Amino acid sequence: MHVQPRRADAQRNSARVVRAAILAFEEVGAAVSLDEVAQRAGVGIATLYRLFGGRDGLIREAFTTFFVEEVEPLALAARAAEDPGDALATALVRTLDAFATHRVLLGIARETGAVTVTVAERYLHQLGDVLVAAQRAGRVRPDITVRDLAAVVVMALATARADDPANADPRRYLALLMAGMRPSDDPLPPPASTGFGARATRDSRDCTSA
């Protein structure tokens, strides 16, 4: 009878700590202490460690929350748009813009390994239907996969810098990468037979059969 209330309390505490951390990272910087995060959330430092195991765990959860609340809705909105080609491009650009408002979180998430192609793919999988529709409309080359989209985002984000508040470089290189997604008579080189490439090949077959 007493287990469920404790679980509910833990969920509420976890949500408060994550939101406090996201704000603290942007307002104070990457060096903000866990003590300050706990104080902002109204919990003890022991509760923070119990919930997240430490700084890296908190960063990963903050980054995941950001993706769920600010990136996933962009992909979902793209599915409702009339022009799949424009919708796909808009979703990718707005994803970069969302990161621009959380530049510090992006930086520390990189340092802890929270930003990977696998993570980006997990939250961009809603773009799969949009990608297939854009391919059928002749707007995107047929050998592009959702995992390729995730890689494009991660590569563009790699150019983000603190002294580029307008996100000019990531936007530039995203545009360059997206230009390579346009239909072409020249096929892409085949992916590797294991690891990242093998996953991309399976994704490509799934898109083709969709």
N, C-alpha and C. Protein backbone atom coordinates (compact mmCIF):
# COMPACT_ATOMS: atom_id res chain seq x y z
N MET A 1 0.82 -1.21 0.00
CA MET A 1 0.00 0.00 0.00
C MET A 1 0.85 1.26 0.00
N HIS A 2 2.09 1.15 0.53
CA HIS A 2 2.92 2.35 0.63
C HIS A 2 3.94 2.46 -0.50
N VAL A 3 4.02 1.45 -1.37
CA VAL A 3 5.02 1.47 -2.43
C VAL A 3 4.69 2.52 -3.49
N GLN A 4 3.43 2.57 -3.93
CA GLN A 4 3.05 3.47 -5.01
C GLN A 4 3.28 4.94 -4.67
N PRO A 5 2.90 5.43 -3.45
CA PRO A 5 3.19 6.82 -3.12
C PRO A 5 4.67 7.15 -3.20
N ARG A 6 5.53 6.19 -2.75
CA ARG A 6 6.97 6.45 -2.83
C ARG A 6 7.43 6.55 -4.28
N ARG A 7 6.87 5.71 -5.14
CA ARG A 7 7.22 5.79 -6.55
C ARG A 7 6.78 7.12 -7.14
N ALA A 8 5.59 7.55 -6.78
CA ALA A 8 5.09 8.84 -7.29
C ALA A 8 5.96 9.98 -6.80
N ASP A 9 6.37 9.93 -5.53
CA ASP A 9 7.25 10.96 -5.00
C ASP A 9 8.59 10.98 -5.73
N ALA A 10 9.11 9.80 -6.01
CA ALA A 10 10.39 9.71 -6.72
C ALA A 10 10.27 10.30 -8.12
N GLN A 11 9.16 10.03 -8.79
CA GLN A 11 8.96 10.58 -10.14
C GLN A 11 8.87 12.10 -10.11
N ARG A 12 8.14 12.62 -9.10
CA ARG A 12 8.03 14.08 -8.99
C ARG A 12 9.38 14.70 -8.67
N ASN A 13 10.12 14.07 -7.76
CA ASN A 13 11.45 14.59 -7.42
C ASN A 13 12.38 14.55 -8.63
N SER A 14 12.32 13.45 -9.37
CA SER A 14 13.17 13.32 -10.55
C SER A 14 12.87 14.41 -11.57
N ALA A 15 11.58 14.66 -11.82
CA ALA A 15 11.20 15.70 -12.78
C ALA A 15 11.66 17.07 -12.32
N ARG A 16 11.53 17.36 -11.01
CA ARG A 16 11.96 18.66 -10.49
C ARG A 16 13.46 18.84 -10.64
N VAL A 17 14.22 17.80 -10.33
CA VAL A 17 15.68 17.89 -10.41
C VAL A 17 16.12 18.09 -11.86
N VAL A 18 15.51 17.35 -12.78
CA VAL A 18 15.89 17.47 -14.19
C VAL A 18 15.62 18.88 -14.71
N ARG A 19 14.45 19.42 -14.40
CA ARG A 19 14.12 20.76 -14.88
C ARG A 19 15.02 21.82 -14.23
N ALA A 20 15.33 21.61 -12.96
CA ALA A 20 16.24 22.54 -12.28
C ALA A 20 17.62 22.46 -12.91
N ALA A 21 18.04 21.26 -13.29
CA ALA A 21 19.36 21.10 -13.89
C ALA A 21 19.43 21.77 -15.25
N ILE A 22 18.40 21.60 -16.07
CA ILE A 22 18.40 22.21 -17.40
C ILE A 22 18.51 23.73 -17.29
N LEU A 23 17.75 24.33 -16.38
CA LEU A 23 17.82 25.78 -16.19
C LEU A 23 19.17 26.20 -15.62
N ALA A 24 19.68 25.42 -14.65
CA ALA A 24 20.95 25.78 -14.02
C ALA A 24 22.11 25.72 -15.00
N PHE A 25 22.11 24.74 -15.87
CA PHE A 25 23.18 24.64 -16.86
C PHE A 25 23.19 25.86 -17.77
N GLU A 26 22.02 26.34 -18.17
CA GLU A 26 21.96 27.49 -19.06
C GLU A 26 22.23 28.80 -18.32
N GLU A 27 21.79 28.93 -17.08
CA GLU A 27 21.93 30.18 -16.34
C GLU A 27 23.30 30.32 -15.68
N VAL A 28 23.84 29.20 -15.17
CA VAL A 28 25.10 29.25 -14.43
C VAL A 28 26.26 28.76 -15.28
N GLY A 29 26.02 27.73 -16.06
CA GLY A 29 27.10 27.17 -16.87
C GLY A 29 27.35 25.72 -16.55
N ALA A 30 28.26 25.12 -17.30
CA ALA A 30 28.54 23.70 -17.16
C ALA A 30 29.10 23.34 -15.80
N ALA A 31 29.72 24.32 -15.13
CA ALA A 31 30.37 24.03 -13.85
C ALA A 31 29.43 24.12 -12.66
N VAL A 32 28.14 24.33 -12.88
CA VAL A 32 27.21 24.43 -11.75
C VAL A 32 27.30 23.18 -10.89
N SER A 33 27.26 23.37 -9.59
CA SER A 33 27.41 22.24 -8.68
C SER A 33 26.11 21.46 -8.54
N LEU A 34 26.25 20.19 -8.21
CA LEU A 34 25.06 19.38 -7.96
C LEU A 34 24.33 19.87 -6.72
N ASP A 35 25.06 20.43 -5.77
CA ASP A 35 24.42 21.00 -4.57
C ASP A 35 23.45 22.11 -4.96
N GLU A 36 23.87 22.98 -5.90
CA GLU A 36 22.99 24.06 -6.33
C GLU A 36 21.78 23.52 -7.08
N VAL A 37 22.00 22.51 -7.91
CA VAL A 37 20.88 21.91 -8.63
C VAL A 37 19.87 21.34 -7.64
N ALA A 38 20.37 20.63 -6.64
CA ALA A 38 19.48 20.04 -5.63
C ALA A 38 18.73 21.12 -4.88
N GLN A 39 19.44 22.21 -4.54
CA GLN A 39 18.79 23.31 -3.82
C GLN A 39 17.70 23.95 -4.68
N ARG A 40 17.97 24.15 -5.95
CA ARG A 40 16.97 24.72 -6.85
C ARG A 40 15.74 23.82 -6.96
N ALA A 41 15.98 22.51 -6.91
CA ALA A 41 14.87 21.56 -7.04
C ALA A 41 14.14 21.33 -5.73
N GLY A 42 14.71 21.81 -4.63
CA GLY A 42 14.07 21.62 -3.33
C GLY A 42 14.22 20.22 -2.78
N VAL A 43 15.34 19.55 -3.13
CA VAL A 43 15.59 18.21 -2.60
C VAL A 43 16.99 18.19 -2.00
N GLY A 44 17.28 17.15 -1.23
CA GLY A 44 18.61 16.99 -0.67
C GLY A 44 19.56 16.41 -1.69
N ILE A 45 20.85 16.64 -1.49
CA ILE A 45 21.85 16.12 -2.42
C ILE A 45 21.83 14.60 -2.45
N ALA A 46 21.49 13.98 -1.31
CA ALA A 46 21.42 12.51 -1.27
C ALA A 46 20.31 12.00 -2.19
N THR A 47 19.21 12.74 -2.27
CA THR A 47 18.11 12.35 -3.16
C THR A 47 18.55 12.43 -4.61
N LEU A 48 19.29 13.47 -4.94
CA LEU A 48 19.78 13.62 -6.31
C LEU A 48 20.66 12.43 -6.69
N TYR A 49 21.59 12.06 -5.80
CA TYR A 49 22.47 10.93 -6.11
C TYR A 49 21.68 9.63 -6.17
N ARG A 50 20.69 9.49 -5.31
CA ARG A 50 19.90 8.26 -5.33
C ARG A 50 19.11 8.13 -6.63
N LEU A 51 18.64 9.25 -7.15
CA LEU A 51 17.84 9.21 -8.38
C LEU A 51 18.67 9.04 -9.64
N PHE A 52 19.86 9.67 -9.66
CA PHE A 52 20.63 9.73 -10.91
C PHE A 52 22.02 9.11 -10.82
N GLY A 53 22.48 8.79 -9.63
CA GLY A 53 23.78 8.17 -9.49
C GLY A 53 24.95 9.12 -9.57
N GLY A 54 24.71 10.38 -9.89
CA GLY A 54 25.78 11.36 -10.00
C GLY A 54 25.57 12.31 -11.16
N ARG A 55 26.60 13.06 -11.47
CA ARG A 55 26.51 14.12 -12.48
C ARG A 55 26.22 13.58 -13.88
N ASP A 56 26.93 12.54 -14.28
CA ASP A 56 26.74 12.00 -15.63
C ASP A 56 25.32 11.49 -15.84
N GLY A 57 24.79 10.81 -14.83
CA GLY A 57 23.42 10.30 -14.93
C GLY A 57 22.40 11.43 -15.03
N LEU A 58 22.64 12.50 -14.29
CA LEU A 58 21.73 13.66 -14.36
C LEU A 58 21.80 14.32 -15.73
N ILE A 59 23.01 14.45 -16.28
CA ILE A 59 23.16 15.06 -17.60
C ILE A 59 22.45 14.24 -18.66
N ARG A 60 22.61 12.93 -18.59
CA ARG A 60 21.94 12.07 -19.57
C ARG A 60 20.43 12.21 -19.49
N GLU A 61 19.90 12.27 -18.27
CA GLU A 61 18.45 12.39 -18.11
C GLU A 61 17.96 13.76 -18.56
N ALA A 62 18.74 14.80 -18.28
CA ALA A 62 18.37 16.15 -18.73
C ALA A 62 18.36 16.22 -20.25
N PHE A 63 19.35 15.60 -20.87
CA PHE A 63 19.43 15.60 -22.33
C PHE A 63 18.26 14.81 -22.93
N THR A 64 17.92 13.68 -22.32
CA THR A 64 16.79 12.88 -22.79
C THR A 64 15.49 13.66 -22.67
N THR A 65 15.31 14.36 -21.56
CA THR A 65 14.10 15.16 -21.36
C THR A 65 14.00 16.25 -22.41
N PHE A 66 15.12 16.91 -22.69
CA PHE A 66 15.14 17.93 -23.73
C PHE A 66 14.71 17.34 -25.06
N PHE A 67 15.23 16.18 -25.42
CA PHE A 67 14.89 15.55 -26.69
C PHE A 67 13.40 15.22 -26.74
N VAL A 68 12.87 14.63 -25.66
CA VAL A 68 11.47 14.22 -25.64
C VAL A 68 10.54 15.41 -25.76
N GLU A 69 10.86 16.49 -25.07
CA GLU A 69 9.95 17.63 -24.99
C GLU A 69 10.12 18.64 -26.11
N GLU A 70 11.31 18.72 -26.71
CA GLU A 70 11.54 19.78 -27.69
C GLU A 70 11.90 19.28 -29.08
N VAL A 71 12.39 18.05 -29.19
CA VAL A 71 12.77 17.53 -30.51
C VAL A 71 11.70 16.61 -31.07
N GLU A 72 11.22 15.69 -30.25
CA GLU A 72 10.18 14.77 -30.73
C GLU A 72 8.96 15.51 -31.30
N PRO A 73 8.46 16.57 -30.66
CA PRO A 73 7.30 17.28 -31.23
C PRO A 73 7.57 17.84 -32.63
N LEU A 74 8.82 18.20 -32.93
CA LEU A 74 9.15 18.70 -34.26
C LEU A 74 8.97 17.59 -35.30
N ALA A 75 9.38 16.38 -34.94
CA ALA A 75 9.22 15.25 -35.85
C ALA A 75 7.75 14.92 -36.04
N LEU A 76 6.99 14.98 -34.95
CA LEU A 76 5.56 14.68 -35.04
C LEU A 76 4.83 15.71 -35.89
N ALA A 77 5.23 16.98 -35.77
CA ALA A 77 4.61 18.03 -36.57
C ALA A 77 4.92 17.82 -38.05
N ALA A 78 6.11 17.33 -38.36
CA ALA A 78 6.48 17.10 -39.75
C ALA A 78 5.59 16.04 -40.38
N ARG A 79 5.13 15.09 -39.59
CA ARG A 79 4.27 14.03 -40.13
C ARG A 79 2.91 14.58 -40.56
N ALA A 80 2.50 15.70 -39.97
CA ALA A 80 1.19 16.27 -40.29
C ALA A 80 1.25 17.30 -41.42
N ALA A 81 2.46 17.62 -41.90
CA ALA A 81 2.60 18.63 -42.93
C ALA A 81 2.22 18.07 -44.31
N GLU A 82 1.85 18.96 -45.22
CA GLU A 82 1.40 18.54 -46.55
C GLU A 82 2.57 18.16 -47.46
N ASP A 83 3.64 18.93 -47.41
CA ASP A 83 4.78 18.68 -48.30
C ASP A 83 5.86 17.95 -47.51
N PRO A 84 6.07 16.66 -47.76
CA PRO A 84 7.02 15.89 -46.95
C PRO A 84 8.46 16.35 -47.12
N GLY A 85 8.82 16.83 -48.33
CA GLY A 85 10.18 17.30 -48.54
C GLY A 85 10.48 18.52 -47.70
N ASP A 86 9.60 19.52 -47.75
CA ASP A 86 9.78 20.72 -46.94
C ASP A 86 9.69 20.39 -45.45
N ALA A 87 8.77 19.48 -45.09
CA ALA A 87 8.58 19.11 -43.69
C ALA A 87 9.84 18.47 -43.12
N LEU A 88 10.48 17.62 -43.89
CA LEU A 88 11.70 16.96 -43.43
C LEU A 88 12.81 17.97 -43.21
N ALA A 89 13.00 18.87 -44.17
CA ALA A 89 14.04 19.89 -44.05
C ALA A 89 13.76 20.81 -42.86
N THR A 90 12.50 21.21 -42.70
CA THR A 90 12.14 22.10 -41.59
C THR A 90 12.38 21.44 -40.25
N ALA A 91 12.04 20.15 -40.13
CA ALA A 91 12.24 19.44 -38.87
C ALA A 91 13.71 19.39 -38.50
N LEU A 92 14.58 19.15 -39.47
CA LEU A 92 16.01 19.07 -39.19
C LEU A 92 16.57 20.44 -38.79
N VAL A 93 16.16 21.49 -39.49
CA VAL A 93 16.63 22.84 -39.16
C VAL A 93 16.15 23.25 -37.78
N ARG A 94 14.89 22.98 -37.47
CA ARG A 94 14.35 23.36 -36.16
C ARG A 94 14.96 22.54 -35.04
N THR A 95 15.38 21.34 -35.35
CA THR A 95 16.10 20.55 -34.34
C THR A 95 17.40 21.24 -33.97
N LEU A 96 18.12 21.73 -34.97
CA LEU A 96 19.35 22.48 -34.70
C LEU A 96 19.05 23.74 -33.90
N ASP A 97 17.99 24.44 -34.26
CA ASP A 97 17.64 25.67 -33.55
C ASP A 97 17.29 25.38 -32.08
N ALA A 98 16.64 24.25 -31.85
CA ALA A 98 16.33 23.88 -30.47
C ALA A 98 17.60 23.69 -29.66
N PHE A 99 18.60 23.09 -30.28
CA PHE A 99 19.87 22.92 -29.59
C PHE A 99 20.54 24.25 -29.31
N ALA A 100 20.30 25.24 -30.16
CA ALA A 100 20.93 26.54 -29.96
C ALA A 100 20.49 27.17 -28.65
N THR A 101 19.28 26.87 -28.21
CA THR A 101 18.79 27.44 -26.95
C THR A 101 19.29 26.64 -25.74
N HIS A 102 19.91 25.51 -25.98
CA HIS A 102 20.45 24.70 -24.89
C HIS A 102 21.90 24.33 -25.20
N ARG A 103 22.67 25.34 -25.58
CA ARG A 103 24.04 25.12 -26.02
C ARG A 103 24.91 24.48 -24.93
N VAL A 104 24.73 24.92 -23.70
CA VAL A 104 25.54 24.37 -22.61
C VAL A 104 25.20 22.90 -22.38
N LEU A 105 23.91 22.59 -22.36
CA LEU A 105 23.49 21.20 -22.18
C LEU A 105 24.06 20.33 -23.29
N LEU A 106 24.03 20.82 -24.53
CA LEU A 106 24.59 20.07 -25.64
C LEU A 106 26.07 19.80 -25.42
N GLY A 107 26.81 20.82 -24.97
CA GLY A 107 28.24 20.66 -24.76
C GLY A 107 28.58 19.62 -23.71
N ILE A 108 27.90 19.68 -22.58
CA ILE A 108 28.23 18.72 -21.53
C ILE A 108 27.68 17.34 -21.84
N ALA A 109 26.60 17.28 -22.62
CA ALA A 109 26.08 15.98 -23.05
C ALA A 109 27.07 15.30 -23.98
N ARG A 110 27.72 16.07 -24.82
CA ARG A 110 28.77 15.52 -25.68
C ARG A 110 29.89 14.91 -24.84
N GLU A 111 30.31 15.66 -23.82
CA GLU A 111 31.42 15.22 -22.99
C GLU A 111 31.13 13.90 -22.28
N THR A 112 29.87 13.68 -21.93
CA THR A 112 29.51 12.45 -21.22
C THR A 112 29.09 11.33 -22.17
N GLY A 113 29.12 11.59 -23.48
CA GLY A 113 28.74 10.57 -24.43
C GLY A 113 27.24 10.43 -24.63
N ALA A 114 26.47 11.42 -24.17
CA ALA A 114 25.01 11.34 -24.31
C ALA A 114 24.55 11.67 -25.72
N VAL A 115 25.39 12.38 -26.50
CA VAL A 115 25.03 12.74 -27.86
C VAL A 115 25.69 11.73 -28.80
N THR A 116 24.90 10.84 -29.35
CA THR A 116 25.39 9.85 -30.30
C THR A 116 24.38 9.71 -31.43
N VAL A 117 24.81 9.09 -32.51
CA VAL A 117 23.89 8.83 -33.61
C VAL A 117 22.74 7.95 -33.14
N THR A 118 23.06 6.97 -32.28
CA THR A 118 22.03 6.06 -31.78
C THR A 118 20.96 6.82 -31.00
N VAL A 119 21.39 7.74 -30.14
CA VAL A 119 20.44 8.53 -29.36
C VAL A 119 19.60 9.41 -30.28
N ALA A 120 20.25 10.09 -31.23
CA ALA A 120 19.51 10.94 -32.15
C ALA A 120 18.51 10.13 -32.96
N GLU A 121 18.92 8.95 -33.39
CA GLU A 121 18.02 8.10 -34.18
C GLU A 121 16.79 7.71 -33.37
N ARG A 122 16.99 7.44 -32.09
CA ARG A 122 15.88 7.01 -31.24
C ARG A 122 14.77 8.04 -31.22
N TYR A 123 15.15 9.32 -31.22
CA TYR A 123 14.16 10.37 -31.10
C TYR A 123 13.74 10.95 -32.45
N LEU A 124 14.42 10.55 -33.52
CA LEU A 124 14.04 11.00 -34.85
C LEU A 124 13.31 9.92 -35.63
N HIS A 125 13.05 8.78 -35.01
CA HIS A 125 12.42 7.69 -35.76
C HIS A 125 11.02 8.07 -36.25
N GLN A 126 10.39 9.08 -35.60
CA GLN A 126 9.07 9.53 -36.08
C GLN A 126 9.16 10.13 -37.47
N LEU A 127 10.37 10.52 -37.90
CA LEU A 127 10.55 11.08 -39.23
C LEU A 127 10.57 10.00 -40.31
N GLY A 128 10.50 8.74 -39.93
CA GLY A 128 10.56 7.67 -40.91
C GLY A 128 9.49 7.76 -41.97
N ASP A 129 8.26 8.00 -41.55
CA ASP A 129 7.15 8.12 -42.51
C ASP A 129 7.34 9.34 -43.41
N VAL A 130 7.85 10.44 -42.84
CA VAL A 130 8.08 11.66 -43.62
C VAL A 130 9.18 11.40 -44.64
N LEU A 131 10.22 10.71 -44.22
CA LEU A 131 11.32 10.39 -45.13
C LEU A 131 10.82 9.54 -46.30
N VAL A 132 10.05 8.51 -46.02
CA VAL A 132 9.53 7.65 -47.08
C VAL A 132 8.64 8.45 -48.04
N ALA A 133 7.79 9.33 -47.49
CA ALA A 133 6.91 10.15 -48.34
C ALA A 133 7.73 11.09 -49.21
N ALA A 134 8.80 11.68 -48.65
CA ALA A 134 9.65 12.57 -49.42
C ALA A 134 10.38 11.81 -50.52
N GLN A 135 10.76 10.58 -50.23
CA GLN A 135 11.42 9.76 -51.25
C GLN A 135 10.45 9.40 -52.37
N ARG A 136 9.23 9.05 -52.01
CA ARG A 136 8.24 8.71 -53.02
C ARG A 136 7.87 9.91 -53.88
N ALA A 137 7.98 11.11 -53.28
CA ALA A 137 7.68 12.34 -54.03
C ALA A 137 8.86 12.81 -54.86
N GLY A 138 9.98 12.08 -54.79
CA GLY A 138 11.15 12.45 -55.56
C GLY A 138 11.94 13.60 -54.99
N ARG A 139 11.76 13.89 -53.69
CA ARG A 139 12.46 15.02 -53.06
C ARG A 139 13.76 14.60 -52.38
N VAL A 140 13.86 13.33 -52.03
CA VAL A 140 15.02 12.81 -51.32
C VAL A 140 15.48 11.53 -52.00
N ARG A 141 16.77 11.32 -52.08
CA ARG A 141 17.30 10.13 -52.72
C ARG A 141 16.82 8.87 -52.00
N PRO A 142 16.56 7.80 -52.73
CA PRO A 142 15.92 6.62 -52.13
C PRO A 142 16.80 5.80 -51.20
N ASP A 143 18.11 6.04 -51.20
CA ASP A 143 18.99 5.23 -50.36
C ASP A 143 19.34 5.91 -49.04
N ILE A 144 18.59 6.94 -48.66
CA ILE A 144 18.75 7.59 -47.35
C ILE A 144 17.88 6.88 -46.33
N THR A 145 18.40 6.69 -45.11
CA THR A 145 17.66 6.06 -44.03
C THR A 145 17.49 7.03 -42.86
N VAL A 146 16.63 6.67 -41.92
CA VAL A 146 16.45 7.49 -40.72
C VAL A 146 17.78 7.63 -39.97
N ARG A 147 18.55 6.58 -39.95
CA ARG A 147 19.85 6.66 -39.27
C ARG A 147 20.78 7.64 -39.97
N ASP A 148 20.65 7.75 -41.28
CA ASP A 148 21.42 8.77 -42.00
C ASP A 148 21.00 10.16 -41.55
N LEU A 149 19.69 10.37 -41.35
CA LEU A 149 19.21 11.67 -40.87
C LEU A 149 19.82 11.99 -39.51
N ALA A 150 19.85 10.99 -38.64
CA ALA A 150 20.43 11.19 -37.31
C ALA A 150 21.91 11.55 -37.42
N ALA A 151 22.63 10.88 -38.31
CA ALA A 151 24.04 11.17 -38.50
C ALA A 151 24.24 12.59 -39.02
N VAL A 152 23.36 13.03 -39.92
CA VAL A 152 23.44 14.38 -40.46
C VAL A 152 23.30 15.41 -39.34
N VAL A 153 22.33 15.19 -38.45
CA VAL A 153 22.12 16.11 -37.34
C VAL A 153 23.35 16.14 -36.44
N VAL A 154 23.87 14.98 -36.08
CA VAL A 154 25.03 14.90 -35.19
C VAL A 154 26.24 15.57 -35.84
N MET A 155 26.45 15.36 -37.14
CA MET A 155 27.59 15.99 -37.82
C MET A 155 27.46 17.50 -37.84
N ALA A 156 26.26 18.00 -38.11
CA ALA A 156 26.06 19.45 -38.11
C ALA A 156 26.26 20.03 -36.72
N LEU A 157 25.79 19.32 -35.71
CA LEU A 157 25.94 19.80 -34.34
C LEU A 157 27.40 19.84 -33.91
N ALA A 158 28.23 19.03 -34.54
CA ALA A 158 29.65 19.02 -34.19
C ALA A 158 30.33 20.35 -34.49
N THR A 159 29.70 21.20 -35.31
CA THR A 159 30.28 22.50 -35.64
C THR A 159 29.79 23.61 -34.72
N ALA A 160 28.92 23.30 -33.77
CA ALA A 160 28.38 24.33 -32.87
C ALA A 160 29.47 24.86 -31.96
N ARG A 161 29.48 26.19 -31.73
CA ARG A 161 30.48 26.82 -30.88
C ARG A 161 29.81 27.88 -30.02
N ALA A 162 30.40 28.13 -28.88
CA ALA A 162 29.85 29.13 -27.96
C ALA A 162 29.90 30.53 -28.56
N ASP A 163 30.89 30.80 -29.44
CA ASP A 163 31.01 32.13 -30.04
C ASP A 163 30.20 32.26 -31.33
N ASP A 164 29.27 31.33 -31.53
CA ASP A 164 28.38 31.37 -32.71
C ASP A 164 26.93 31.28 -32.22
N PRO A 165 26.48 32.32 -31.50
CA PRO A 165 25.14 32.26 -30.89
C PRO A 165 24.01 32.15 -31.91
N ALA A 166 24.24 32.58 -33.15
CA ALA A 166 23.21 32.49 -34.17
C ALA A 166 23.15 31.11 -34.81
N ASN A 167 24.06 30.21 -34.37
CA ASN A 167 24.07 28.85 -34.90
C ASN A 167 24.34 28.84 -36.41
N ALA A 168 25.14 29.81 -36.86
CA ALA A 168 25.38 29.96 -38.29
C ALA A 168 26.11 28.75 -38.89
N ASP A 169 27.16 28.29 -38.23
CA ASP A 169 27.91 27.16 -38.79
C ASP A 169 27.08 25.88 -38.84
N PRO A 170 26.39 25.49 -37.75
CA PRO A 170 25.55 24.29 -37.85
C PRO A 170 24.50 24.39 -38.95
N ARG A 171 23.89 25.57 -39.11
CA ARG A 171 22.89 25.75 -40.18
C ARG A 171 23.55 25.60 -41.55
N ARG A 172 24.73 26.18 -41.70
CA ARG A 172 25.44 26.10 -42.98
C ARG A 172 25.75 24.64 -43.34
N TYR A 173 26.30 23.91 -42.38
CA TYR A 173 26.72 22.55 -42.70
C TYR A 173 25.54 21.59 -42.77
N LEU A 174 24.46 21.91 -42.07
CA LEU A 174 23.25 21.11 -42.25
C LEU A 174 22.73 21.28 -43.68
N ALA A 175 22.73 22.53 -44.16
CA ALA A 175 22.28 22.78 -45.54
C ALA A 175 23.16 22.03 -46.54
N LEU A 176 24.46 22.04 -46.27
CA LEU A 176 25.39 21.33 -47.16
C LEU A 176 25.11 19.83 -47.15
N LEU A 177 24.89 19.27 -45.97
CA LEU A 177 24.61 17.85 -45.85
C LEU A 177 23.27 17.49 -46.49
N MET A 178 22.27 18.36 -46.29
CA MET A 178 20.96 18.08 -46.87
C MET A 178 21.00 18.17 -48.39
N ALA A 179 21.90 19.01 -48.93
CA ALA A 179 22.03 19.09 -50.38
C ALA A 179 22.47 17.73 -50.94
N GLY A 180 23.24 17.00 -50.17
CA GLY A 180 23.67 15.67 -50.59
C GLY A 180 22.58 14.63 -50.51
N MET A 181 21.43 14.99 -49.93
CA MET A 181 20.30 14.07 -49.83
C MET A 181 19.37 14.17 -51.03
N ARG A 182 19.60 15.14 -51.92
CA ARG A 182 18.73 15.29 -53.08
C ARG A 182 18.92 14.12 -54.05
N PRO A 183 17.88 13.80 -54.80
CA PRO A 183 17.99 12.67 -55.74
C PRO A 183 19.18 12.80 -56.67
N SER A 184 19.84 11.69 -56.93
CA SER A 184 21.02 11.68 -57.78
C SER A 184 21.11 10.34 -58.49
N ASP A 185 21.70 10.35 -59.67
CA ASP A 185 21.92 9.10 -60.39
C ASP A 185 23.10 8.32 -59.84
N ASP A 186 23.91 8.99 -59.01
CA ASP A 186 25.07 8.33 -58.41
C ASP A 186 24.68 7.73 -57.06
N PRO A 187 24.73 6.41 -56.92
CA PRO A 187 24.35 5.79 -55.64
C PRO A 187 25.38 6.07 -54.56
N LEU A 188 24.92 6.05 -53.33
CA LEU A 188 25.84 6.19 -52.21
C LEU A 188 26.73 4.95 -52.12
N PRO A 189 27.95 5.10 -51.61
CA PRO A 189 28.78 3.92 -51.38
C PRO A 189 28.08 2.99 -50.39
N PRO A 190 28.28 1.69 -50.51
CA PRO A 190 27.62 0.77 -49.57
C PRO A 190 28.17 0.94 -48.16
N PRO A 191 27.32 0.71 -47.15
CA PRO A 191 27.78 0.82 -45.76
C PRO A 191 28.63 -0.38 -45.37
N ALA A 192 29.23 -0.31 -44.21
CA ALA A 192 30.00 -1.42 -43.68
C ALA A 192 29.08 -2.60 -43.41
N SER A 193 29.64 -3.79 -43.35
CA SER A 193 28.84 -4.99 -43.15
C SER A 193 28.53 -5.26 -41.69
N THR A 194 29.19 -4.51 -40.80
CA THR A 194 28.94 -4.68 -39.36
C THR A 194 28.79 -3.32 -38.72
N GLY A 195 28.28 -3.30 -37.49
CA GLY A 195 28.18 -2.07 -36.72
C GLY A 195 27.24 -1.07 -37.33
N PHE A 196 27.67 0.19 -37.39
CA PHE A 196 26.83 1.30 -37.86
C PHE A 196 26.28 1.01 -39.24
N GLY A 197 27.14 0.58 -40.19
CA GLY A 197 26.71 0.36 -41.55
C GLY A 197 25.68 -0.74 -41.68
N ALA A 198 25.87 -1.81 -40.91
CA ALA A 198 24.91 -2.91 -40.97
C ALA A 198 23.55 -2.45 -40.51
N ARG A 199 23.50 -1.62 -39.48
CA ARG A 199 22.23 -1.09 -38.99
C ARG A 199 21.58 -0.23 -40.06
N ALA A 200 22.38 0.61 -40.74
CA ALA A 200 21.83 1.47 -41.78
C ALA A 200 21.26 0.66 -42.92
N THR A 201 21.91 -0.46 -43.26
CA THR A 201 21.41 -1.30 -44.34
C THR A 201 20.06 -1.89 -43.98
N ARG A 202 19.90 -2.35 -42.75
CA ARG A 202 18.62 -2.90 -42.32
C ARG A 202 17.55 -1.84 -42.36
N ASP A 203 17.90 -0.62 -41.91
CA ASP A 203 16.93 0.48 -41.95
C ASP A 203 16.48 0.77 -43.37
N SER A 204 17.43 0.72 -44.31
CA SER A 204 17.11 1.00 -45.70
C SER A 204 16.12 -0.02 -46.25
N ARG A 205 16.32 -1.29 -45.91
CA ARG A 205 15.39 -2.31 -46.36
C ARG A 205 14.03 -2.10 -45.76
N ASP A 206 13.99 -1.67 -44.48
CA ASP A 206 12.69 -1.42 -43.83
C ASP A 206 11.96 -0.28 -44.52
N CYS A 207 12.68 0.79 -44.88
CA CYS A 207 12.05 1.93 -45.55
C CYS A 207 11.51 1.51 -46.92
N THR A 208 12.28 0.67 -47.63
CA THR A 208 11.87 0.26 -48.96
C THR A 208 10.60 -0.58 -48.93
N SER A 209 10.46 -1.37 -47.86
CA SER A 209 9.29 -2.24 -47.76
C SER A 209 8.10 -1.55 -47.13
N ALA A 210 8.29 -0.29 -46.66
CA ALA A 210 7.20 0.42 -45.97
C ALA A 210 6.09 0.77 -46.97
